[in-house]
Amino acid sequence: MANLKRIQISADIAAPVARVFRLMLDPDGYRDWTSPFAEGSYYEGSWRQGEKIKFLGPTGGGMLAEVAELRPNEFLSIRHLGFMVDGVEDTESDAVRAWAPAYENYTFSTTPAGTRLVVDQEVTEEWEKDIAAAWPKALARLKALCEAGGAH
């Protein structure tokens, strides 16, 4: 098992928790705020606890995960299980066994100004620098999306 590193980052967003939670998981909102990780990112699957979900890029490759825990407007835990390669789930290769499972957790709390979102993500050393560099940009996009006018 690889030595996973933990990245933690937070953002204060001037919008109610329910709006932040909804827009973060909304298919269009997701495409917007995750673009710093990979332009054209999207997901297939459901945000229900215990369900599989695929996080994909424009080429169809990406990550296979499951929703480990879901408490709407409070907490979301994603358990990464493997890779998606050419439409095929890879949960058994040595490359996957070196790090899986890895968790990505989101904690939402109400603040006087709106919402504090704290992200804790486990990553391999190989990806730590890229992921850590993308998170501030992604959270800035999510913040802008949530703070923009309109009901979206």
N, C-alpha and C. Protein backbone atom coordinates (compact mmCIF):
# COMPACT_ATOMS: atom_id res chain seq x y z
N MET A 1 0.85 -1.18 0.00
CA MET A 1 0.00 0.00 0.00
C MET A 1 0.89 1.24 0.00
N ALA A 2 0.59 2.13 -0.89
CA ALA A 2 1.36 3.36 -1.00
C ALA A 2 1.15 4.21 0.25
N ASN A 3 2.11 5.04 0.49
CA ASN A 3 1.98 5.98 1.59
C ASN A 3 1.15 7.16 1.09
N LEU A 4 -0.12 7.21 1.50
CA LEU A 4 -1.00 8.27 1.04
C LEU A 4 -0.77 9.53 1.86
N LYS A 5 -0.78 10.65 1.18
CA LYS A 5 -0.66 11.95 1.82
C LYS A 5 -2.06 12.53 1.95
N ARG A 6 -2.27 13.36 2.96
CA ARG A 6 -3.56 13.99 3.14
C ARG A 6 -3.44 15.48 2.84
N ILE A 7 -4.27 15.92 1.92
CA ILE A 7 -4.37 17.34 1.59
C ILE A 7 -5.63 17.85 2.26
N GLN A 8 -5.54 19.00 2.92
CA GLN A 8 -6.74 19.64 3.46
C GLN A 8 -6.76 21.08 2.98
N ILE A 9 -7.93 21.49 2.51
CA ILE A 9 -8.13 22.86 2.05
C ILE A 9 -9.55 23.25 2.40
N SER A 10 -9.75 24.53 2.63
CA SER A 10 -11.10 24.98 2.96
C SER A 10 -11.41 26.26 2.22
N ALA A 11 -12.70 26.54 2.17
CA ALA A 11 -13.17 27.79 1.54
C ALA A 11 -14.36 28.30 2.32
N ASP A 12 -14.41 29.61 2.47
CA ASP A 12 -15.58 30.26 3.04
C ASP A 12 -16.38 30.83 1.88
N ILE A 13 -17.64 30.44 1.82
CA ILE A 13 -18.50 30.79 0.69
C ILE A 13 -19.72 31.55 1.21
N ALA A 14 -19.98 32.70 0.63
CA ALA A 14 -21.10 33.54 1.06
C ALA A 14 -22.39 33.07 0.40
N ALA A 15 -22.80 31.86 0.78
CA ALA A 15 -24.04 31.26 0.29
C ALA A 15 -24.46 30.20 1.31
N PRO A 16 -25.75 29.93 1.40
CA PRO A 16 -26.21 28.92 2.36
C PRO A 16 -25.65 27.52 2.04
N VAL A 17 -25.47 26.73 3.08
CA VAL A 17 -24.94 25.37 2.92
C VAL A 17 -25.72 24.59 1.87
N ALA A 18 -27.05 24.65 1.92
CA ALA A 18 -27.87 23.87 0.98
C ALA A 18 -27.54 24.24 -0.47
N ARG A 19 -27.28 25.51 -0.75
CA ARG A 19 -26.93 25.93 -2.11
C ARG A 19 -25.56 25.39 -2.51
N VAL A 20 -24.59 25.50 -1.61
CA VAL A 20 -23.23 25.02 -1.90
C VAL A 20 -23.28 23.52 -2.18
N PHE A 21 -23.95 22.78 -1.32
CA PHE A 21 -24.05 21.33 -1.47
C PHE A 21 -24.71 20.98 -2.81
N ARG A 22 -25.82 21.64 -3.12
CA ARG A 22 -26.57 21.35 -4.35
C ARG A 22 -25.74 21.66 -5.59
N LEU A 23 -25.12 22.85 -5.63
CA LEU A 23 -24.37 23.24 -6.83
C LEU A 23 -23.08 22.44 -6.99
N MET A 24 -22.48 22.00 -5.89
CA MET A 24 -21.28 21.19 -5.97
C MET A 24 -21.56 19.86 -6.68
N LEU A 25 -22.74 19.28 -6.42
CA LEU A 25 -23.08 17.97 -6.96
C LEU A 25 -23.90 18.02 -8.25
N ASP A 26 -24.44 19.18 -8.57
CA ASP A 26 -25.21 19.36 -9.79
C ASP A 26 -24.32 19.06 -11.00
N PRO A 27 -24.82 18.32 -12.00
CA PRO A 27 -23.95 17.98 -13.15
C PRO A 27 -23.28 19.18 -13.81
N ASP A 28 -24.01 20.27 -14.03
CA ASP A 28 -23.40 21.45 -14.65
C ASP A 28 -22.43 22.16 -13.70
N GLY A 29 -22.82 22.27 -12.44
CA GLY A 29 -21.94 22.87 -11.44
C GLY A 29 -20.65 22.07 -11.30
N TYR A 30 -20.78 20.75 -11.28
CA TYR A 30 -19.62 19.87 -11.17
C TYR A 30 -18.65 20.10 -12.33
N ARG A 31 -19.19 20.16 -13.56
CA ARG A 31 -18.34 20.39 -14.74
C ARG A 31 -17.56 21.70 -14.60
N ASP A 32 -18.22 22.71 -14.04
CA ASP A 32 -17.60 24.02 -13.88
C ASP A 32 -16.48 23.98 -12.84
N TRP A 33 -16.81 23.63 -11.62
CA TRP A 33 -15.83 23.79 -10.54
C TRP A 33 -14.70 22.78 -10.60
N THR A 34 -14.90 21.62 -11.25
CA THR A 34 -13.82 20.62 -11.32
C THR A 34 -12.89 20.84 -12.52
N SER A 35 -13.17 21.82 -13.36
CA SER A 35 -12.34 22.02 -14.55
C SER A 35 -10.86 22.27 -14.25
N PRO A 36 -10.47 22.85 -13.10
CA PRO A 36 -9.03 22.97 -12.84
C PRO A 36 -8.30 21.61 -12.70
N PHE A 37 -9.05 20.57 -12.37
CA PHE A 37 -8.44 19.23 -12.30
C PHE A 37 -8.29 18.64 -13.69
N ALA A 38 -9.34 18.77 -14.50
CA ALA A 38 -9.32 18.29 -15.88
C ALA A 38 -10.47 18.96 -16.61
N GLU A 39 -10.15 19.78 -17.59
CA GLU A 39 -11.18 20.46 -18.37
C GLU A 39 -12.10 19.41 -18.98
N GLY A 40 -13.39 19.61 -18.86
CA GLY A 40 -14.35 18.66 -19.42
C GLY A 40 -14.70 17.52 -18.48
N SER A 41 -14.33 17.62 -17.20
CA SER A 41 -14.66 16.58 -16.22
C SER A 41 -16.17 16.47 -16.04
N TYR A 42 -16.63 15.25 -15.83
CA TYR A 42 -18.04 15.01 -15.54
C TYR A 42 -18.14 13.73 -14.73
N TYR A 43 -19.34 13.42 -14.28
CA TYR A 43 -19.52 12.17 -13.55
C TYR A 43 -20.71 11.40 -14.11
N GLU A 44 -20.67 10.10 -13.90
CA GLU A 44 -21.78 9.21 -14.22
C GLU A 44 -22.08 8.43 -12.96
N GLY A 45 -23.35 8.37 -12.61
CA GLY A 45 -23.74 7.63 -11.42
C GLY A 45 -24.58 8.48 -10.51
N SER A 46 -24.67 8.04 -9.28
CA SER A 46 -25.58 8.65 -8.33
C SER A 46 -24.83 9.09 -7.08
N TRP A 47 -25.33 10.15 -6.47
CA TRP A 47 -24.76 10.65 -5.22
C TRP A 47 -25.46 10.03 -4.02
N ARG A 48 -25.94 8.79 -4.15
CA ARG A 48 -26.58 8.10 -3.02
C ARG A 48 -25.56 7.21 -2.32
N GLN A 49 -25.65 7.17 -1.00
CA GLN A 49 -24.72 6.37 -0.19
C GLN A 49 -24.73 4.92 -0.67
N GLY A 50 -23.52 4.36 -0.85
CA GLY A 50 -23.37 2.98 -1.29
C GLY A 50 -23.36 2.80 -2.79
N GLU A 51 -23.65 3.86 -3.54
CA GLU A 51 -23.71 3.76 -5.01
C GLU A 51 -22.34 4.02 -5.63
N LYS A 52 -22.11 3.34 -6.76
CA LYS A 52 -20.89 3.60 -7.53
C LYS A 52 -21.05 4.90 -8.30
N ILE A 53 -19.93 5.56 -8.49
CA ILE A 53 -19.92 6.79 -9.27
C ILE A 53 -18.59 6.83 -10.03
N LYS A 54 -18.65 7.27 -11.28
CA LYS A 54 -17.46 7.37 -12.12
C LYS A 54 -17.17 8.84 -12.37
N PHE A 55 -15.94 9.24 -12.09
CA PHE A 55 -15.47 10.61 -12.34
C PHE A 55 -14.61 10.54 -13.59
N LEU A 56 -15.09 11.15 -14.67
CA LEU A 56 -14.49 10.96 -15.98
C LEU A 56 -14.03 12.26 -16.61
N GLY A 57 -13.06 12.12 -17.50
CA GLY A 57 -12.60 13.25 -18.29
C GLY A 57 -13.14 13.11 -19.70
N PRO A 58 -12.83 14.06 -20.57
CA PRO A 58 -13.38 14.06 -21.93
C PRO A 58 -13.01 12.83 -22.74
N THR A 59 -11.93 12.14 -22.39
CA THR A 59 -11.54 10.95 -23.13
C THR A 59 -12.22 9.69 -22.59
N GLY A 60 -12.99 9.84 -21.50
CA GLY A 60 -13.70 8.69 -20.93
C GLY A 60 -12.92 7.98 -19.84
N GLY A 61 -11.66 8.33 -19.66
CA GLY A 61 -10.87 7.75 -18.58
C GLY A 61 -11.11 8.51 -17.30
N GLY A 62 -10.76 7.88 -16.17
CA GLY A 62 -10.93 8.59 -14.91
C GLY A 62 -10.89 7.66 -13.72
N MET A 63 -11.71 7.99 -12.74
CA MET A 63 -11.70 7.28 -11.46
C MET A 63 -13.04 6.57 -11.23
N LEU A 64 -12.95 5.42 -10.57
CA LEU A 64 -14.12 4.70 -10.12
C LEU A 64 -14.18 4.84 -8.61
N ALA A 65 -15.35 5.18 -8.10
CA ALA A 65 -15.49 5.41 -6.66
C ALA A 65 -16.88 4.96 -6.22
N GLU A 66 -17.09 5.07 -4.92
CA GLU A 66 -18.43 4.87 -4.38
C GLU A 66 -18.66 5.92 -3.31
N VAL A 67 -19.92 6.24 -3.10
CA VAL A 67 -20.28 7.19 -2.06
C VAL A 67 -20.28 6.42 -0.74
N ALA A 68 -19.24 6.66 0.06
CA ALA A 68 -19.07 5.92 1.31
C ALA A 68 -20.03 6.41 2.37
N GLU A 69 -20.26 7.71 2.41
CA GLU A 69 -21.17 8.28 3.40
C GLU A 69 -21.75 9.56 2.84
N LEU A 70 -23.03 9.76 3.08
CA LEU A 70 -23.68 10.97 2.61
C LEU A 70 -24.68 11.44 3.66
N ARG A 71 -24.40 12.64 4.19
CA ARG A 71 -25.33 13.33 5.08
C ARG A 71 -25.58 14.68 4.41
N PRO A 72 -26.68 14.82 3.65
CA PRO A 72 -26.91 16.04 2.87
C PRO A 72 -26.70 17.31 3.70
N ASN A 73 -26.01 18.25 3.06
CA ASN A 73 -25.72 19.57 3.64
C ASN A 73 -24.80 19.50 4.85
N GLU A 74 -24.19 18.33 5.13
CA GLU A 74 -23.27 18.19 6.26
C GLU A 74 -21.95 17.54 5.88
N PHE A 75 -22.02 16.37 5.23
CA PHE A 75 -20.81 15.57 5.01
C PHE A 75 -20.98 14.65 3.81
N LEU A 76 -19.93 14.54 3.01
CA LEU A 76 -19.88 13.63 1.88
C LEU A 76 -18.51 12.96 1.89
N SER A 77 -18.51 11.62 1.85
CA SER A 77 -17.26 10.86 1.78
C SER A 77 -17.28 10.01 0.52
N ILE A 78 -16.25 10.18 -0.30
CA ILE A 78 -16.09 9.41 -1.53
C ILE A 78 -14.92 8.45 -1.33
N ARG A 79 -15.17 7.16 -1.57
CA ARG A 79 -14.13 6.14 -1.47
C ARG A 79 -13.69 5.80 -2.89
N HIS A 80 -12.47 6.21 -3.25
CA HIS A 80 -11.94 5.90 -4.59
C HIS A 80 -11.47 4.45 -4.61
N LEU A 81 -11.95 3.72 -5.63
CA LEU A 81 -11.72 2.28 -5.71
C LEU A 81 -10.80 1.87 -6.85
N GLY A 82 -10.67 2.71 -7.87
CA GLY A 82 -9.85 2.31 -9.01
C GLY A 82 -9.94 3.31 -10.14
N PHE A 83 -9.49 2.84 -11.31
CA PHE A 83 -9.46 3.66 -12.51
C PHE A 83 -10.51 3.19 -13.50
N MET A 84 -10.93 4.08 -14.37
CA MET A 84 -11.71 3.74 -15.55
C MET A 84 -10.77 3.90 -16.74
N VAL A 85 -10.58 2.82 -17.48
CA VAL A 85 -9.67 2.84 -18.63
C VAL A 85 -10.42 2.28 -19.83
N ASP A 86 -10.64 3.11 -20.86
CA ASP A 86 -11.37 2.68 -22.05
C ASP A 86 -12.71 2.03 -21.69
N GLY A 87 -13.41 2.62 -20.73
CA GLY A 87 -14.73 2.12 -20.35
C GLY A 87 -14.72 0.91 -19.44
N VAL A 88 -13.53 0.45 -19.05
CA VAL A 88 -13.41 -0.75 -18.22
C VAL A 88 -12.98 -0.35 -16.81
N GLU A 89 -13.64 -0.94 -15.80
CA GLU A 89 -13.29 -0.70 -14.41
C GLU A 89 -12.03 -1.48 -14.05
N ASP A 90 -11.04 -0.80 -13.50
CA ASP A 90 -9.81 -1.44 -13.02
C ASP A 90 -9.72 -1.25 -11.52
N THR A 91 -10.00 -2.32 -10.78
CA THR A 91 -9.88 -2.27 -9.32
C THR A 91 -8.87 -3.29 -8.81
N GLU A 92 -8.22 -4.02 -9.73
CA GLU A 92 -7.35 -5.13 -9.34
C GLU A 92 -5.89 -4.98 -9.73
N SER A 93 -5.57 -4.05 -10.63
CA SER A 93 -4.19 -3.96 -11.11
C SER A 93 -3.26 -3.54 -9.98
N ASP A 94 -1.99 -3.80 -10.17
CA ASP A 94 -0.98 -3.39 -9.18
C ASP A 94 -1.01 -1.87 -8.99
N ALA A 95 -1.24 -1.14 -10.09
CA ALA A 95 -1.27 0.32 -10.02
C ALA A 95 -2.39 0.79 -9.08
N VAL A 96 -3.53 0.11 -9.11
CA VAL A 96 -4.65 0.47 -8.24
C VAL A 96 -4.40 -0.03 -6.82
N ARG A 97 -3.95 -1.25 -6.69
CA ARG A 97 -3.71 -1.82 -5.36
C ARG A 97 -2.68 -1.01 -4.57
N ALA A 98 -1.84 -0.27 -5.28
CA ALA A 98 -0.81 0.54 -4.62
C ALA A 98 -1.41 1.68 -3.80
N TRP A 99 -2.67 2.08 -4.09
CA TRP A 99 -3.23 3.22 -3.38
C TRP A 99 -4.68 3.04 -2.91
N ALA A 100 -5.44 2.18 -3.55
CA ALA A 100 -6.87 2.07 -3.22
C ALA A 100 -7.08 1.26 -1.95
N PRO A 101 -8.08 1.62 -1.15
CA PRO A 101 -8.96 2.77 -1.34
C PRO A 101 -8.32 4.06 -0.83
N ALA A 102 -8.77 5.16 -1.40
CA ALA A 102 -8.36 6.49 -0.95
C ALA A 102 -9.63 7.31 -0.79
N TYR A 103 -9.66 8.14 0.22
CA TYR A 103 -10.88 8.89 0.54
C TYR A 103 -10.76 10.36 0.19
N GLU A 104 -11.91 10.92 -0.18
CA GLU A 104 -12.06 12.34 -0.46
C GLU A 104 -13.30 12.77 0.32
N ASN A 105 -13.12 13.59 1.34
CA ASN A 105 -14.21 13.96 2.25
C ASN A 105 -14.49 15.44 2.20
N TYR A 106 -15.77 15.76 2.25
CA TYR A 106 -16.24 17.16 2.23
C TYR A 106 -17.08 17.39 3.47
N THR A 107 -16.72 18.39 4.26
CA THR A 107 -17.48 18.75 5.46
C THR A 107 -18.02 20.16 5.27
N PHE A 108 -19.33 20.29 5.42
CA PHE A 108 -20.03 21.57 5.24
C PHE A 108 -20.49 22.06 6.61
N SER A 109 -20.23 23.33 6.93
CA SER A 109 -20.73 23.90 8.17
C SER A 109 -21.23 25.32 7.92
N THR A 110 -22.24 25.68 8.68
CA THR A 110 -22.83 27.01 8.57
C THR A 110 -21.96 28.00 9.35
N THR A 111 -21.70 29.14 8.72
CA THR A 111 -20.96 30.23 9.35
C THR A 111 -21.83 31.48 9.30
N PRO A 112 -21.47 32.53 10.05
CA PRO A 112 -22.26 33.77 9.96
C PRO A 112 -22.34 34.32 8.53
N ALA A 113 -21.30 34.09 7.73
CA ALA A 113 -21.27 34.61 6.36
C ALA A 113 -21.84 33.63 5.34
N GLY A 114 -22.14 32.40 5.75
CA GLY A 114 -22.65 31.43 4.78
C GLY A 114 -22.21 30.02 5.09
N THR A 115 -21.16 29.57 4.38
CA THR A 115 -20.73 28.18 4.47
C THR A 115 -19.21 28.09 4.57
N ARG A 116 -18.75 27.19 5.40
CA ARG A 116 -17.34 26.80 5.36
C ARG A 116 -17.33 25.37 4.81
N LEU A 117 -16.58 25.17 3.74
CA LEU A 117 -16.40 23.86 3.14
C LEU A 117 -14.96 23.43 3.39
N VAL A 118 -14.79 22.27 4.03
CA VAL A 118 -13.46 21.72 4.28
C VAL A 118 -13.34 20.43 3.48
N VAL A 119 -12.27 20.34 2.69
CA VAL A 119 -12.00 19.17 1.87
C VAL A 119 -10.76 18.47 2.43
N ASP A 120 -10.89 17.17 2.66
CA ASP A 120 -9.76 16.32 3.05
C ASP A 120 -9.64 15.24 1.97
N GLN A 121 -8.48 15.16 1.35
CA GLN A 121 -8.28 14.18 0.28
C GLN A 121 -6.98 13.43 0.49
N GLU A 122 -7.05 12.10 0.33
CA GLU A 122 -5.86 11.26 0.36
C GLU A 122 -5.35 11.10 -1.06
N VAL A 123 -4.05 11.34 -1.26
CA VAL A 123 -3.44 11.24 -2.58
C VAL A 123 -2.08 10.57 -2.48
N THR A 124 -1.64 10.00 -3.58
CA THR A 124 -0.29 9.45 -3.61
C THR A 124 0.69 10.60 -3.77
N GLU A 125 1.92 10.36 -3.38
CA GLU A 125 2.96 11.38 -3.50
C GLU A 125 3.09 11.84 -4.95
N GLU A 126 2.92 10.91 -5.88
CA GLU A 126 3.03 11.22 -7.31
C GLU A 126 2.05 12.31 -7.73
N TRP A 127 0.85 12.33 -7.17
CA TRP A 127 -0.20 13.27 -7.56
C TRP A 127 -0.35 14.45 -6.60
N GLU A 128 0.33 14.41 -5.47
CA GLU A 128 0.12 15.41 -4.43
C GLU A 128 0.29 16.85 -4.94
N LYS A 129 1.36 17.14 -5.65
CA LYS A 129 1.64 18.49 -6.10
C LYS A 129 0.56 19.01 -7.05
N ASP A 130 0.17 18.19 -8.03
CA ASP A 130 -0.85 18.61 -9.01
C ASP A 130 -2.20 18.82 -8.35
N ILE A 131 -2.60 17.88 -7.50
CA ILE A 131 -3.90 17.97 -6.84
C ILE A 131 -3.92 19.17 -5.89
N ALA A 132 -2.86 19.34 -5.12
CA ALA A 132 -2.79 20.47 -4.19
C ALA A 132 -2.83 21.81 -4.94
N ALA A 133 -2.25 21.87 -6.12
CA ALA A 133 -2.25 23.10 -6.91
C ALA A 133 -3.63 23.37 -7.51
N ALA A 134 -4.38 22.33 -7.83
CA ALA A 134 -5.69 22.50 -8.47
C ALA A 134 -6.79 22.86 -7.48
N TRP A 135 -6.69 22.40 -6.24
CA TRP A 135 -7.78 22.63 -5.29
C TRP A 135 -8.12 24.11 -5.08
N PRO A 136 -7.16 25.01 -4.86
CA PRO A 136 -7.54 26.42 -4.65
C PRO A 136 -8.32 26.99 -5.84
N LYS A 137 -7.92 26.61 -7.06
CA LYS A 137 -8.62 27.09 -8.26
C LYS A 137 -10.02 26.50 -8.33
N ALA A 138 -10.15 25.21 -8.00
CA ALA A 138 -11.46 24.56 -8.04
C ALA A 138 -12.40 25.18 -7.01
N LEU A 139 -11.90 25.40 -5.79
CA LEU A 139 -12.76 25.99 -4.76
C LEU A 139 -13.11 27.44 -5.08
N ALA A 140 -12.21 28.16 -5.74
CA ALA A 140 -12.52 29.53 -6.16
C ALA A 140 -13.66 29.51 -7.19
N ARG A 141 -13.66 28.54 -8.07
CA ARG A 141 -14.73 28.41 -9.07
C ARG A 141 -16.04 28.04 -8.39
N LEU A 142 -15.98 27.11 -7.43
CA LEU A 142 -17.19 26.72 -6.70
C LEU A 142 -17.75 27.91 -5.93
N LYS A 143 -16.86 28.68 -5.29
CA LYS A 143 -17.26 29.88 -4.54
C LYS A 143 -17.98 30.86 -5.47
N ALA A 144 -17.37 31.13 -6.63
CA ALA A 144 -17.98 32.07 -7.59
C ALA A 144 -19.34 31.57 -8.07
N LEU A 145 -19.42 30.30 -8.34
CA LEU A 145 -20.67 29.70 -8.80
C LEU A 145 -21.78 29.85 -7.75
N CYS A 146 -21.43 29.56 -6.49
CA CYS A 146 -22.41 29.59 -5.40
C CYS A 146 -22.80 31.02 -5.03
N GLU A 147 -21.87 31.96 -5.18
CA GLU A 147 -22.15 33.34 -4.79
C GLU A 147 -22.81 34.14 -5.90
N ALA A 148 -22.84 33.59 -7.11
CA ALA A 148 -23.48 34.28 -8.24
C ALA A 148 -24.98 34.35 -8.01
N GLY A 149 -25.59 35.39 -8.56
CA GLY A 149 -27.04 35.54 -8.44
C GLY A 149 -27.78 34.47 -9.21
N GLY A 150 -29.07 34.42 -9.02
CA GLY A 150 -29.90 33.47 -9.75
C GLY A 150 -30.12 32.20 -8.95
N ALA A 151 -31.13 31.49 -9.33
CA ALA A 151 -31.54 30.29 -8.57
C ALA A 151 -30.73 29.07 -8.93
N HIS A 152 -30.08 29.04 -10.09
CA HIS A 152 -29.36 27.87 -10.63
C HIS A 152 -29.64 26.62 -9.83
